[in-house]
PDB file of N, CA and C in Angstrom:
ATOM      1  N   UNK A   1      19.415 -28.328  15.082  1.00  0.00           N
ATOM      2  CA  UNK A   1      19.145 -27.170  15.940  1.00  0.00           C
ATOM      3  C   UNK A   1      18.296 -27.666  17.045  1.00  0.00           C
ATOM      4  N   UNK A   2      18.578 -27.197  18.271  1.00  0.00           N
ATOM      5  CA  UNK A   2      17.794 -27.648  19.434  1.00  0.00           C
ATOM      6  C   UNK A   2      16.477 -26.995  19.434  1.00  0.00           C
ATOM      7  N   UNK A   3      15.457 -27.510  20.203  1.00  0.00           N
ATOM      8  CA  UNK A   3      14.190 -26.836  20.223  1.00  0.00           C
ATOM      9  C   UNK A   3      14.225 -25.440  20.737  1.00  0.00           C
ATOM     10  N   UNK A   4      15.145 -25.176  21.725  1.00  0.00           N
ATOM     11  CA  UNK A   4      15.259 -23.810  22.259  1.00  0.00           C
ATOM     12  C   UNK A   4      15.836 -22.892  21.182  1.00  0.00           C
ATOM     13  N   UNK A   5      16.829 -23.334  20.439  1.00  0.00           N
ATOM     14  CA  UNK A   5      17.390 -22.587  19.337  1.00  0.00           C
ATOM     15  C   UNK A   5      16.403 -22.244  18.267  1.00  0.00           C
ATOM     16  N   UNK A   6      15.522 -23.289  17.920  1.00  0.00           N
ATOM     17  CA  UNK A   6      14.498 -23.060  16.933  1.00  0.00           C
ATOM     18  C   UNK A   6      13.534 -22.002  17.403  1.00  0.00           C
ATOM     19  N   UNK A   7      13.185 -22.065  18.672  1.00  0.00           N
ATOM     20  CA  UNK A   7      12.213 -21.084  19.259  1.00  0.00           C
ATOM     21  C   UNK A   7      12.810 -19.662  19.204  1.00  0.00           C
ATOM     22  N   UNK A   8      14.014 -19.484  19.491  1.00  0.00           N
ATOM     23  CA  UNK A   8      14.648 -18.206  19.425  1.00  0.00           C
ATOM     24  C   UNK A   8      14.696 -17.673  17.984  1.00  0.00           C
ATOM     25  N   UNK A   9      15.075 -18.580  17.053  1.00  0.00           N
ATOM     26  CA  UNK A   9      15.109 -18.241  15.696  1.00  0.00           C
ATOM     27  C   UNK A   9      13.778 -17.777  15.178  1.00  0.00           C
ATOM     28  N   UNK A  10      12.746 -18.557  15.586  1.00  0.00           N
ATOM     29  CA  UNK A  10      11.346 -18.146  15.208  1.00  0.00           C
ATOM     30  C   UNK A  10      10.939 -16.829  15.748  1.00  0.00           C
ATOM     31  N   UNK A  11      11.289 -16.536  16.962  1.00  0.00           N
ATOM     32  CA  UNK A  11      10.987 -15.207  17.539  1.00  0.00           C
ATOM     33  C   UNK A  11      11.700 -14.047  16.829  1.00  0.00           C
ATOM     34  N   UNK A  12      12.964 -14.329  16.418  1.00  0.00           N
ATOM     35  CA  UNK A  12      13.695 -13.331  15.645  1.00  0.00           C
ATOM     36  C   UNK A  12      13.029 -13.007  14.292  1.00  0.00           C
ATOM     37  N   UNK A  13      12.547 -14.065  13.630  1.00  0.00           N
ATOM     38  CA  UNK A  13      11.830 -13.888  12.409  1.00  0.00           C
ATOM     39  C   UNK A  13      10.531 -13.073  12.624  1.00  0.00           C
ATOM     40  N   UNK A  14       9.824 -13.401  13.686  1.00  0.00           N
ATOM     41  CA  UNK A  14       8.565 -12.679  13.964  1.00  0.00           C
ATOM     42  C   UNK A  14       8.885 -11.177  14.211  1.00  0.00           C
ATOM     43  N   UNK A  15       9.996 -10.874  14.889  1.00  0.00           N
ATOM     44  CA  UNK A  15      10.367  -9.460  15.164  1.00  0.00           C
ATOM     45  C   UNK A  15      10.670  -8.742  13.897  1.00  0.00           C
ATOM     46  N   UNK A  16      11.361  -9.407  12.977  1.00  0.00           N
ATOM     47  CA  UNK A  16      11.678  -8.785  11.642  1.00  0.00           C
ATOM     48  C   UNK A  16      10.417  -8.512  10.895  1.00  0.00           C
ATOM     49  N   UNK A  17       9.507  -9.472  10.921  1.00  0.00           N
ATOM     50  CA  UNK A  17       8.213  -9.356  10.146  1.00  0.00           C
ATOM     51  C   UNK A  17       7.401  -8.150  10.616  1.00  0.00           C
ATOM     52  N   UNK A  18       7.339  -7.985  11.982  1.00  0.00           N
ATOM     53  CA  UNK A  18       6.565  -6.898  12.465  1.00  0.00           C
ATOM     54  C   UNK A  18       7.196  -5.547  12.263  1.00  0.00           C
ATOM     55  N   UNK A  19       8.440  -5.449  12.073  1.00  0.00           N
ATOM     56  CA  UNK A  19       9.152  -4.199  11.812  1.00  0.00           C
ATOM     57  C   UNK A  19       8.656  -3.609  10.449  1.00  0.00           C
ATOM     58  N   UNK A  20       8.316  -4.420   9.510  1.00  0.00           N
ATOM     59  CA  UNK A  20       7.883  -3.926   8.231  1.00  0.00           C
ATOM     60  C   UNK A  20       6.516  -3.232   8.300  1.00  0.00           C
ATOM     61  N   UNK A  21       5.666  -3.604   9.206  1.00  0.00           N
ATOM     62  CA  UNK A  21       4.370  -2.984   9.313  1.00  0.00           C
ATOM     63  C   UNK A  21       4.439  -1.514   9.716  1.00  0.00           C
ATOM     64  N   UNK A  22       5.566  -1.068  10.248  1.00  0.00           N
ATOM     65  CA  UNK A  22       5.680   0.294  10.715  1.00  0.00           C
ATOM     66  C   UNK A  22       6.115   1.253   9.657  1.00  0.00           C
ATOM     67  N   UNK A  23       6.342   0.787   8.416  1.00  0.00           N
ATOM     68  CA  UNK A  23       6.780   1.661   7.367  1.00  0.00           C
ATOM     69  C   UNK A  23       5.610   2.544   6.925  1.00  0.00           C
ATOM     70  N   UNK A  24       5.956   3.679   6.392  1.00  0.00           N
ATOM     71  CA  UNK A  24       4.926   4.565   5.903  1.00  0.00           C
ATOM     72  C   UNK A  24       4.479   4.084   4.516  1.00  0.00           C
ATOM     73  N   UNK A  25       3.613   4.901   3.880  1.00  0.00           N
ATOM     74  CA  UNK A  25       3.095   4.504   2.614  1.00  0.00           C
ATOM     75  C   UNK A  25       4.243   4.417   1.508  1.00  0.00           C
ATOM     76  N   UNK A  26       4.078   3.617   0.527  1.00  0.00           N
ATOM     77  CA  UNK A  26       5.124   3.499  -0.529  1.00  0.00           C
ATOM     78  C   UNK A  26       4.765   4.403  -1.716  1.00  0.00           C
ATOM     79  N   UNK A  27       5.623   4.446  -2.683  1.00  0.00           N
ATOM     80  CA  UNK A  27       5.388   5.378  -3.816  1.00  0.00           C
ATOM     81  C   UNK A  27       4.156   4.972  -4.587  1.00  0.00           C
ATOM     82  N   UNK A  28       3.842   3.678  -4.764  1.00  0.00           N
ATOM     83  CA  UNK A  28       2.703   3.302  -5.480  1.00  0.00           C
ATOM     84  C   UNK A  28       1.400   3.809  -4.889  1.00  0.00           C
ATOM     85  N   UNK A  29       1.377   3.645  -3.532  1.00  0.00           N
ATOM     86  CA  UNK A  29       0.183   4.201  -2.798  1.00  0.00           C
ATOM     87  C   UNK A  29       0.107   5.713  -2.866  1.00  0.00           C
ATOM     88  N   UNK A  30       1.217   6.351  -2.773  1.00  0.00           N
ATOM     89  CA  UNK A  30       1.227   7.813  -2.919  1.00  0.00           C
ATOM     90  C   UNK A  30       0.681   8.266  -4.311  1.00  0.00           C
ATOM     91  N   UNK A  31       1.057   7.584  -5.336  1.00  0.00           N
ATOM     92  CA  UNK A  31       0.597   7.930  -6.661  1.00  0.00           C
ATOM     93  C   UNK A  31      -0.858   7.600  -6.863  1.00  0.00           C
ATOM     94  N   UNK A  32      -1.314   6.456  -6.323  1.00  0.00           N
ATOM     95  CA  UNK A  32      -2.733   6.094  -6.426  1.00  0.00           C
ATOM     96  C   UNK A  32      -3.596   7.140  -5.692  1.00  0.00           C
ATOM     97  N   UNK A  33      -3.136   7.576  -4.513  1.00  0.00           N
ATOM     98  CA  UNK A  33      -3.897   8.596  -3.783  1.00  0.00           C
ATOM     99  C   UNK A  33      -3.905   9.936  -4.556  1.00  0.00           C
ATOM    100  N   UNK A  34      -2.795  10.295  -5.173  1.00  0.00           N
ATOM    101  CA  UNK A  34      -2.737  11.513  -5.890  1.00  0.00           C
ATOM    102  C   UNK A  34      -3.755  11.501  -7.096  1.00  0.00           C
ATOM    103  N   UNK A  35      -3.833  10.378  -7.791  1.00  0.00           N
ATOM    104  CA  UNK A  35      -4.763  10.318  -8.918  1.00  0.00           C
ATOM    105  C   UNK A  35      -6.219  10.231  -8.366  1.00  0.00           C
ATOM    106  N   UNK A  36      -6.441   9.397  -7.384  1.00  0.00           N
ATOM    107  CA  UNK A  36      -7.796   9.220  -6.858  1.00  0.00           C
ATOM    108  C   UNK A  36      -8.409  10.354  -6.157  1.00  0.00           C
ATOM    109  N   UNK A  37      -7.592  11.363  -5.697  1.00  0.00           N
ATOM    110  CA  UNK A  37      -8.191  12.512  -5.039  1.00  0.00           C
ATOM    111  C   UNK A  37      -8.805  13.487  -6.027  1.00  0.00           C
ATOM    112  N   UNK A  38      -8.633  13.238  -7.343  1.00  0.00           N
ATOM    113  CA  UNK A  38      -9.320  13.989  -8.323  1.00  0.00           C
ATOM    114  C   UNK A  38     -10.858  13.664  -8.182  1.00  0.00           C
ATOM    115  N   UNK A  39     -11.657  14.513  -8.730  1.00  0.00           N
ATOM    116  CA  UNK A  39     -13.121  14.373  -8.490  1.00  0.00           C
ATOM    117  C   UNK A  39     -13.777  13.338  -9.486  1.00  0.00           C
ATOM    118  N   UNK A  40     -13.002  12.659 -10.289  1.00  0.00           N
ATOM    119  CA  UNK A  40     -13.596  11.705 -11.264  1.00  0.00           C
ATOM    120  C   UNK A  40     -13.349  10.254 -10.929  1.00  0.00           C
ATOM    121  N   UNK A  41     -14.081   9.368 -11.621  1.00  0.00           N
ATOM    122  CA  UNK A  41     -13.835   7.949 -11.426  1.00  0.00           C
ATOM    123  C   UNK A  41     -12.947   7.412 -12.500  1.00  0.00           C
ATOM    124  N   UNK A  42     -12.227   6.304 -12.208  1.00  0.00           N
ATOM    125  CA  UNK A  42     -11.338   5.747 -13.211  1.00  0.00           C
ATOM    126  C   UNK A  42     -11.488   4.238 -13.244  1.00  0.00           C
ATOM    127  N   UNK A  43     -11.392   3.657 -14.450  1.00  0.00           N
ATOM    128  CA  UNK A  43     -11.217   2.227 -14.603  1.00  0.00           C
ATOM    129  C   UNK A  43      -9.808   1.935 -14.250  1.00  0.00           C
ATOM    130  N   UNK A  44      -9.514   0.675 -13.935  1.00  0.00           N
ATOM    131  CA  UNK A  44      -8.159   0.348 -13.450  1.00  0.00           C
ATOM    132  C   UNK A  44      -7.077   0.561 -14.533  1.00  0.00           C
ATOM    133  N   UNK A  45      -7.407   0.251 -15.789  1.00  0.00           N
ATOM    134  CA  UNK A  45      -6.353   0.475 -16.858  1.00  0.00           C
ATOM    135  C   UNK A  45      -6.016   1.947 -16.901  1.00  0.00           C
ATOM    136  N   UNK A  46      -6.987   2.885 -16.925  1.00  0.00           N
ATOM    137  CA  UNK A  46      -6.699   4.294 -17.036  1.00  0.00           C
ATOM    138  C   UNK A  46      -5.962   4.725 -15.694  1.00  0.00           C
ATOM    139  N   UNK A  47      -6.390   4.298 -14.597  1.00  0.00           N
ATOM    140  CA  UNK A  47      -5.785   4.643 -13.313  1.00  0.00           C
ATOM    141  C   UNK A  47      -4.285   4.140 -13.346  1.00  0.00           C
ATOM    142  N   UNK A  48      -4.052   2.896 -13.721  1.00  0.00           N
ATOM    143  CA  UNK A  48      -2.665   2.361 -13.721  1.00  0.00           C
ATOM    144  C   UNK A  48      -1.809   3.146 -14.716  1.00  0.00           C
ATOM    145  N   UNK A  49      -2.317   3.489 -15.900  1.00  0.00           N
ATOM    146  CA  UNK A  49      -1.541   4.256 -16.847  1.00  0.00           C
ATOM    147  C   UNK A  49      -1.041   5.598 -16.224  1.00  0.00           C
ATOM    148  N   UNK A  50      -1.933   6.234 -15.557  1.00  0.00           N
ATOM    149  CA  UNK A  50      -1.571   7.531 -14.960  1.00  0.00           C
ATOM    150  C   UNK A  50      -0.512   7.286 -13.799  1.00  0.00           C
ATOM    151  N   UNK A  51      -0.723   6.308 -12.992  1.00  0.00           N
ATOM    152  CA  UNK A  51       0.190   6.023 -11.861  1.00  0.00           C
ATOM    153  C   UNK A  51       1.528   5.635 -12.457  1.00  0.00           C
ATOM    154  N   UNK A  52       1.547   4.776 -13.508  1.00  0.00           N
ATOM    155  CA  UNK A  52       2.804   4.281 -14.139  1.00  0.00           C
ATOM    156  C   UNK A  52       3.553   5.497 -14.722  1.00  0.00           C
ATOM    157  N   UNK A  53       2.868   6.356 -15.351  1.00  0.00           N
ATOM    158  CA  UNK A  53       3.426   7.518 -15.964  1.00  0.00           C
ATOM    159  C   UNK A  53       4.193   8.401 -14.886  1.00  0.00           C
ATOM    160  N   UNK A  54       3.448   8.589 -13.768  1.00  0.00           N
ATOM    161  CA  UNK A  54       3.996   9.410 -12.660  1.00  0.00           C
ATOM    162  C   UNK A  54       5.232   8.755 -12.040  1.00  0.00           C
ATOM    163  N   UNK A  55       5.139   7.359 -11.886  1.00  0.00           N
ATOM    164  CA  UNK A  55       6.283   6.686 -11.307  1.00  0.00           C
ATOM    165  C   UNK A  55       7.515   6.716 -12.224  1.00  0.00           C
ATOM    166  N   UNK A  56       7.239   6.613 -13.526  1.00  0.00           N
ATOM    167  CA  UNK A  56       8.381   6.745 -14.459  1.00  0.00           C
ATOM    168  C   UNK A  56       8.980   8.113 -14.425  1.00  0.00           C
ATOM    169  N   UNK A  57       8.177   9.145 -14.281  1.00  0.00           N
ATOM    170  CA  UNK A  57       8.658  10.486 -14.141  1.00  0.00           C
ATOM    171  C   UNK A  57       9.555  10.689 -12.922  1.00  0.00           C
ATOM    172  N   UNK A  58       9.209   9.940 -11.828  1.00  0.00           N
ATOM    173  CA  UNK A  58       9.995   9.979 -10.602  1.00  0.00           C
ATOM    174  C   UNK A  58      11.107   9.025 -10.608  1.00  0.00           C
ATOM    175  N   UNK A  59      11.270   8.273 -11.725  1.00  0.00           N
ATOM    176  CA  UNK A  59      12.345   7.243 -11.871  1.00  0.00           C
ATOM    177  C   UNK A  59      12.139   6.210 -10.817  1.00  0.00           C
ATOM    178  N   UNK A  60      10.862   5.819 -10.551  1.00  0.00           N
ATOM    179  CA  UNK A  60      10.613   4.875  -9.469  1.00  0.00           C
ATOM    180  C   UNK A  60       9.845   3.643  -9.955  1.00  0.00           C
ATOM    181  N   UNK A  61       9.739   3.483 -11.287  1.00  0.00           N
ATOM    182  CA  UNK A  61       9.031   2.317 -11.811  1.00  0.00           C
ATOM    183  C   UNK A  61       9.999   1.190 -12.134  1.00  0.00           C
ATOM    184  N   UNK A  62      10.346   0.423 -11.097  1.00  0.00           N
ATOM    185  CA  UNK A  62      11.330  -0.611 -11.348  1.00  0.00           C
ATOM    186  C   UNK A  62      10.656  -1.927 -11.101  1.00  0.00           C
ATOM    187  N   UNK A  63      11.218  -2.972 -11.598  1.00  0.00           N
ATOM    188  CA  UNK A  63      10.697  -4.339 -11.401  1.00  0.00           C
ATOM    189  C   UNK A  63       9.815  -4.829 -12.519  1.00  0.00           C
ATOM    190  N   UNK A  64       9.645  -4.069 -13.557  1.00  0.00           N
ATOM    191  CA  UNK A  64       8.811  -4.507 -14.694  1.00  0.00           C
ATOM    192  C   UNK A  64       7.386  -3.980 -14.561  1.00  0.00           C
ATOM    193  N   UNK A  65       6.787  -3.726 -15.737  1.00  0.00           N
ATOM    194  CA  UNK A  65       5.467  -3.184 -15.746  1.00  0.00           C
ATOM    195  C   UNK A  65       4.399  -4.130 -15.237  1.00  0.00           C
ATOM    196  N   UNK A  66       4.471  -5.442 -15.504  1.00  0.00           N
ATOM    197  CA  UNK A  66       3.466  -6.404 -14.999  1.00  0.00           C
ATOM    198  C   UNK A  66       3.483  -6.467 -13.551  1.00  0.00           C
ATOM    199  N   UNK A  67       4.762  -6.485 -12.914  1.00  0.00           N
ATOM    200  CA  UNK A  67       4.799  -6.585 -11.447  1.00  0.00           C
ATOM    201  C   UNK A  67       4.304  -5.327 -10.836  1.00  0.00           C
ATOM    202  N   UNK A  68       4.586  -4.202 -11.436  1.00  0.00           N
ATOM    203  CA  UNK A  68       4.034  -2.955 -10.952  1.00  0.00           C
ATOM    204  C   UNK A  68       2.478  -2.927 -11.060  1.00  0.00           C
ATOM    205  N   UNK A  69       1.932  -3.467 -12.114  1.00  0.00           N
ATOM    206  CA  UNK A  69       0.491  -3.541 -12.316  1.00  0.00           C
ATOM    207  C   UNK A  69      -0.121  -4.389 -11.174  1.00  0.00           C
ATOM    208  N   UNK A  70       0.493  -5.517 -10.856  1.00  0.00           N
ATOM    209  CA  UNK A  70      -0.051  -6.358  -9.773  1.00  0.00           C
ATOM    210  C   UNK A  70       0.096  -5.643  -8.453  1.00  0.00           C
ATOM    211  N   UNK A  71       1.207  -4.927  -8.179  1.00  0.00           N
ATOM    212  CA  UNK A  71       1.331  -4.217  -6.945  1.00  0.00           C
ATOM    213  C   UNK A  71       0.227  -3.111  -6.805  1.00  0.00           C
ATOM    214  N   UNK A  72       0.080  -2.368  -7.904  1.00  0.00           N
ATOM    215  CA  UNK A  72      -0.927  -1.226  -7.905  1.00  0.00           C
ATOM    216  C   UNK A  72      -2.313  -1.833  -7.642  1.00  0.00           C
ATOM    217  N   UNK A  73      -2.593  -2.938  -8.259  1.00  0.00           N
ATOM    218  CA  UNK A  73      -3.996  -3.526  -8.105  1.00  0.00           C
ATOM    219  C   UNK A  73      -4.175  -3.979  -6.631  1.00  0.00           C
ATOM    220  N   UNK A  74      -3.161  -4.593  -6.082  1.00  0.00           N
ATOM    221  CA  UNK A  74      -3.189  -5.026  -4.683  1.00  0.00           C
ATOM    222  C   UNK A  74      -3.357  -3.812  -3.727  1.00  0.00           C
ATOM    223  N   UNK A  75      -2.574  -2.805  -3.969  1.00  0.00           N
ATOM    224  CA  UNK A  75      -2.726  -1.526  -3.119  1.00  0.00           C
ATOM    225  C   UNK A  75      -4.147  -0.934  -3.322  1.00  0.00           C
ATOM    226  N   UNK A  76      -4.636  -0.911  -4.551  1.00  0.00           N
ATOM    227  CA  UNK A  76      -5.979  -0.329  -4.773  1.00  0.00           C
ATOM    228  C   UNK A  76      -7.066  -1.146  -4.060  1.00  0.00           C
ATOM    229  N   UNK A  77      -6.990  -2.547  -4.075  1.00  0.00           N
ATOM    230  CA  UNK A  77      -7.940  -3.298  -3.408  1.00  0.00           C
ATOM    231  C   UNK A  77      -7.825  -3.156  -1.908  1.00  0.00           C
ATOM    232  N   UNK A  78      -6.626  -2.932  -1.421  1.00  0.00           N
ATOM    233  CA  UNK A  78      -6.490  -2.595   0.006  1.00  0.00           C
ATOM    234  C   UNK A  78      -7.140  -1.326   0.378  1.00  0.00           C
ATOM    235  N   UNK A  79      -7.099  -0.314  -0.446  1.00  0.00           N
ATOM    236  CA  UNK A  79      -7.749   0.928  -0.152  1.00  0.00           C
ATOM    237  C   UNK A  79      -9.285   0.785  -0.251  1.00  0.00           C
ATOM    238  N   UNK A  80      -9.738  -0.117  -1.184  1.00  0.00           N
ATOM    239  CA  UNK A  80     -11.173  -0.313  -1.222  1.00  0.00           C
ATOM    240  C   UNK A  80     -11.658  -1.022   0.020  1.00  0.00           C
ATOM    241  N   UNK A  81     -10.895  -2.036   0.431  1.00  0.00           N
ATOM    242  CA  UNK A  81     -11.295  -2.824   1.620  1.00  0.00           C
ATOM    243  C   UNK A  81     -11.251  -1.961   2.938  1.00  0.00           C
ATOM    244  N   UNK A  82     -10.379  -0.945   2.938  1.00  0.00           N
ATOM    245  CA  UNK A  82     -10.323  -0.040   4.077  1.00  0.00           C
ATOM    246  C   UNK A  82     -11.325   1.120   4.016  1.00  0.00           C
ATOM    247  N   UNK A  83     -12.163   1.074   2.993  1.00  0.00           N
ATOM    248  CA  UNK A  83     -13.226   2.089   2.847  1.00  0.00           C
ATOM    249  C   UNK A  83     -12.766   3.461   2.434  1.00  0.00           C
ATOM    250  N   UNK A  84     -11.659   3.582   1.753  1.00  0.00           N
ATOM    251  CA  UNK A  84     -11.054   4.838   1.361  1.00  0.00           C
ATOM    252  C   UNK A  84     -11.310   5.057  -0.182  1.00  0.00           C
ATOM    253  N   UNK A  85     -11.649   4.004  -0.894  1.00  0.00           N
ATOM    254  CA  UNK A  85     -11.931   4.098  -2.212  1.00  0.00           C
ATOM    255  C   UNK A  85     -13.242   3.299  -2.522  1.00  0.00           C
ATOM    256  N   UNK A  86     -14.112   3.872  -3.362  1.00  0.00           N
ATOM    257  CA  UNK A  86     -15.399   3.255  -3.680  1.00  0.00           C
ATOM    258  C   UNK A  86     -15.263   2.625  -5.046  1.00  0.00           C
ATOM    259  N   UNK A  87     -15.660   1.332  -5.116  1.00  0.00           N
ATOM    260  CA  UNK A  87     -15.676   0.630  -6.412  1.00  0.00           C
ATOM    261  C   UNK A  87     -17.149   0.483  -6.847  1.00  0.00           C
ATOM    262  N   UNK A  88     -17.417   0.983  -8.050  1.00  0.00           N
ATOM    263  CA  UNK A  88     -18.725   0.827  -8.618  1.00  0.00           C
ATOM    264  C   UNK A  88     -18.542   0.239  -9.998  1.00  0.00           C
ATOM    265  N   UNK A  89     -18.973  -0.999 -10.080  1.00  0.00           N
ATOM    266  CA  UNK A  89     -18.722  -1.743 -11.369  1.00  0.00           C
ATOM    267  C   UNK A  89     -17.214  -1.921 -11.548  1.00  0.00           C
ATOM    268  N   UNK A  90     -16.740  -1.307 -12.574  1.00  0.00           N
ATOM    269  CA  UNK A  90     -15.303  -1.431 -12.910  1.00  0.00           C
ATOM    270  C   UNK A  90     -14.607  -0.072 -12.618  1.00  0.00           C
ATOM    271  N   UNK A  91     -15.318   0.842 -12.019  1.00  0.00           N
ATOM    272  CA  UNK A  91     -14.685   2.222 -11.796  1.00  0.00           C
ATOM    273  C   UNK A  91     -14.426   2.382 -10.303  1.00  0.00           C
ATOM    274  N   UNK A  92     -13.332   3.159 -10.117  1.00  0.00           N
ATOM    275  CA  UNK A  92     -12.812   3.475  -8.708  1.00  0.00           C
ATOM    276  C   UNK A  92     -12.844   4.939  -8.529  1.00  0.00           C
ATOM    277  N   UNK A  93     -13.324   5.349  -7.357  1.00  0.00           N
ATOM    278  CA  UNK A  93     -13.369   6.765  -6.982  1.00  0.00           C
ATOM    279  C   UNK A  93     -12.910   6.895  -5.556  1.00  0.00           C
ATOM    280  N   UNK A  94     -12.022   7.945  -5.346  1.00  0.00           N
ATOM    281  CA  UNK A  94     -11.529   8.127  -4.037  1.00  0.00           C
ATOM    282  C   UNK A  94     -12.528   8.867  -3.183  1.00  0.00           C
ATOM    283  N   UNK A  95     -12.564   8.502  -1.831  1.00  0.00           N
ATOM    284  CA  UNK A  95     -13.485   9.103  -0.929  1.00  0.00           C
ATOM    285  C   UNK A  95     -12.716  10.082  -0.028  1.00  0.00           C
ATOM    286  N   UNK A  96     -13.459  10.771   0.836  1.00  0.00           N
ATOM    287  CA  UNK A  96     -12.812  11.839   1.659  1.00  0.00           C
ATOM    288  C   UNK A  96     -11.741  11.213   2.610  1.00  0.00           C
ATOM    289  N   UNK A  97     -11.986   9.989   3.028  1.00  0.00           N
ATOM    290  CA  UNK A  97     -11.041   9.385   3.973  1.00  0.00           C
ATOM    291  C   UNK A  97      -9.746   8.983   3.340  1.00  0.00           C
ATOM    292  N   UNK A  98      -9.627   9.123   1.983  1.00  0.00           N
ATOM    293  CA  UNK A  98      -8.394   8.702   1.278  1.00  0.00           C
ATOM    294  C   UNK A  98      -7.129   9.415   1.766  1.00  0.00           C
ATOM    295  N   UNK A  99      -7.228  10.572   2.264  1.00  0.00           N
ATOM    296  CA  UNK A  99      -6.120  11.375   2.746  1.00  0.00           C
ATOM    297  C   UNK A  99      -5.383  10.609   3.908  1.00  0.00           C
ATOM    298  N   UNK A 100      -6.119   9.843   4.656  1.00  0.00           N
ATOM    299  CA  UNK A 100      -5.556   9.054   5.742  1.00  0.00           C
ATOM    300  C   UNK A 100      -4.638   7.988   5.283  1.00  0.00           C
ATOM    301  N   UNK A 101      -4.714   7.572   4.031  1.00  0.00           N
ATOM    302  CA  UNK A 101      -3.922   6.479   3.448  1.00  0.00           C
ATOM    303  C   UNK A 101      -2.446   6.862   3.459  1.00  0.00           C
ATOM    304  N   UNK A 102      -2.117   8.119   3.520  1.00  0.00           N
ATOM    305  CA  UNK A 102      -0.739   8.572   3.422  1.00  0.00           C
ATOM    306  C   UNK A 102      -0.070   8.720   4.840  1.00  0.00           C
ATOM    307  N   UNK A 103      -0.868   8.611   5.809  1.00  0.00           N
ATOM    308  CA  UNK A 103      -0.301   8.688   7.180  1.00  0.00           C
ATOM    309  C   UNK A 103      -0.168   7.250   7.732  1.00  0.00           C
ATOM    310  N   UNK A 104       1.023   6.913   8.316  1.00  0.00           N
ATOM    311  CA  UNK A 104       1.233   5.619   8.781  1.00  0.00           C
ATOM    312  C   UNK A 104       0.306   5.317   9.990  1.00  0.00           C
ATOM    313  N   UNK A 105      -0.035   4.033  10.159  1.00  0.00           N
ATOM    314  CA  UNK A 105      -0.910   3.697  11.271  1.00  0.00           C
ATOM    315  C   UNK A 105      -0.133   3.944  12.645  1.00  0.00           C
ATOM    316  N   UNK A 106      -0.752   4.317  13.673  1.00  0.00           N
ATOM    317  CA  UNK A 106      -0.027   4.588  14.915  1.00  0.00           C
ATOM    318  C   UNK A 106       0.504   3.260  15.373  1.00  0.00           C
ATOM    319  N   UNK A 107       1.733   3.316  15.977  1.00  0.00           N
ATOM    320  CA  UNK A 107       2.341   2.091  16.540  1.00  0.00           C
ATOM    321  C   UNK A 107       1.927   1.957  17.968  1.00  0.00           C
ATOM    322  N   UNK A 108       1.387   0.805  18.389  1.00  0.00           N
ATOM    323  CA  UNK A 108       1.076   0.579  19.755  1.00  0.00           C
ATOM    324  C   UNK A 108       2.282   0.171  20.503  1.00  0.00           C
ATOM    325  N   UNK A 109       2.609   1.024  21.529  1.00  0.00           N
ATOM    326  CA  UNK A 109       3.742   0.672  22.404  1.00  0.00           C
ATOM    327  C   UNK A 109       3.238   0.374  23.761  1.00  0.00           C
ATOM    328  N   UNK A 110       3.476  -0.749  24.316  1.00  0.00           N
ATOM    329  CA  UNK A 110       2.948  -1.103  25.615  1.00  0.00           C
ATOM    330  C   UNK A 110       3.540  -0.165  26.759  1.00  0.00           C
ATOM    331  N   UNK A 111       2.763   0.201  27.679  1.00  0.00           N
ATOM    332  CA  UNK A 111       3.229   1.075  28.783  1.00  0.00           C
ATOM    333  C   UNK A 111       4.206   0.298  29.638  1.00  0.00           C
ATOM    334  N   UNK A 112       5.202   1.025  30.086  1.00  0.00           N
ATOM    335  CA  UNK A 112       6.179   0.402  31.008  1.00  0.00           C
ATOM    336  C   UNK A 112       5.621   0.336  32.440  1.00  0.00           C
ATOM    337  N   UNK A 113       5.942  -0.699  33.082  1.00  0.00           N
ATOM    338  CA  UNK A 113       5.399  -0.853  34.471  1.00  0.00           C
ATOM    339  C   UNK A 113       6.281  -0.260  35.498  1.00  0.00           C
TER     340      UNK A 113
END
């Protein structure tokens, strides 16, 4: 492949990669938010059991329980780092800003000249 061809291919990959960031929240995040909006704190095991039960009820728990547990933990840590969930010791509690987790981030579109 020529250097120009490689550059075009690389740009195409970058465009595909950026398209995924525009998706809205997934089902795991929706269920995490639904559980964490309750007024109590949860340890991860208890939180995951509730999320897993809800996903199974929606017939959306695919890919195996361990993979789902990893995805849920990753999503939960993302919410913690964004300041929407407070972690105290081993317990997690949703904050008021958690409702924003279900709205997709605004997409920046450059203005036309």
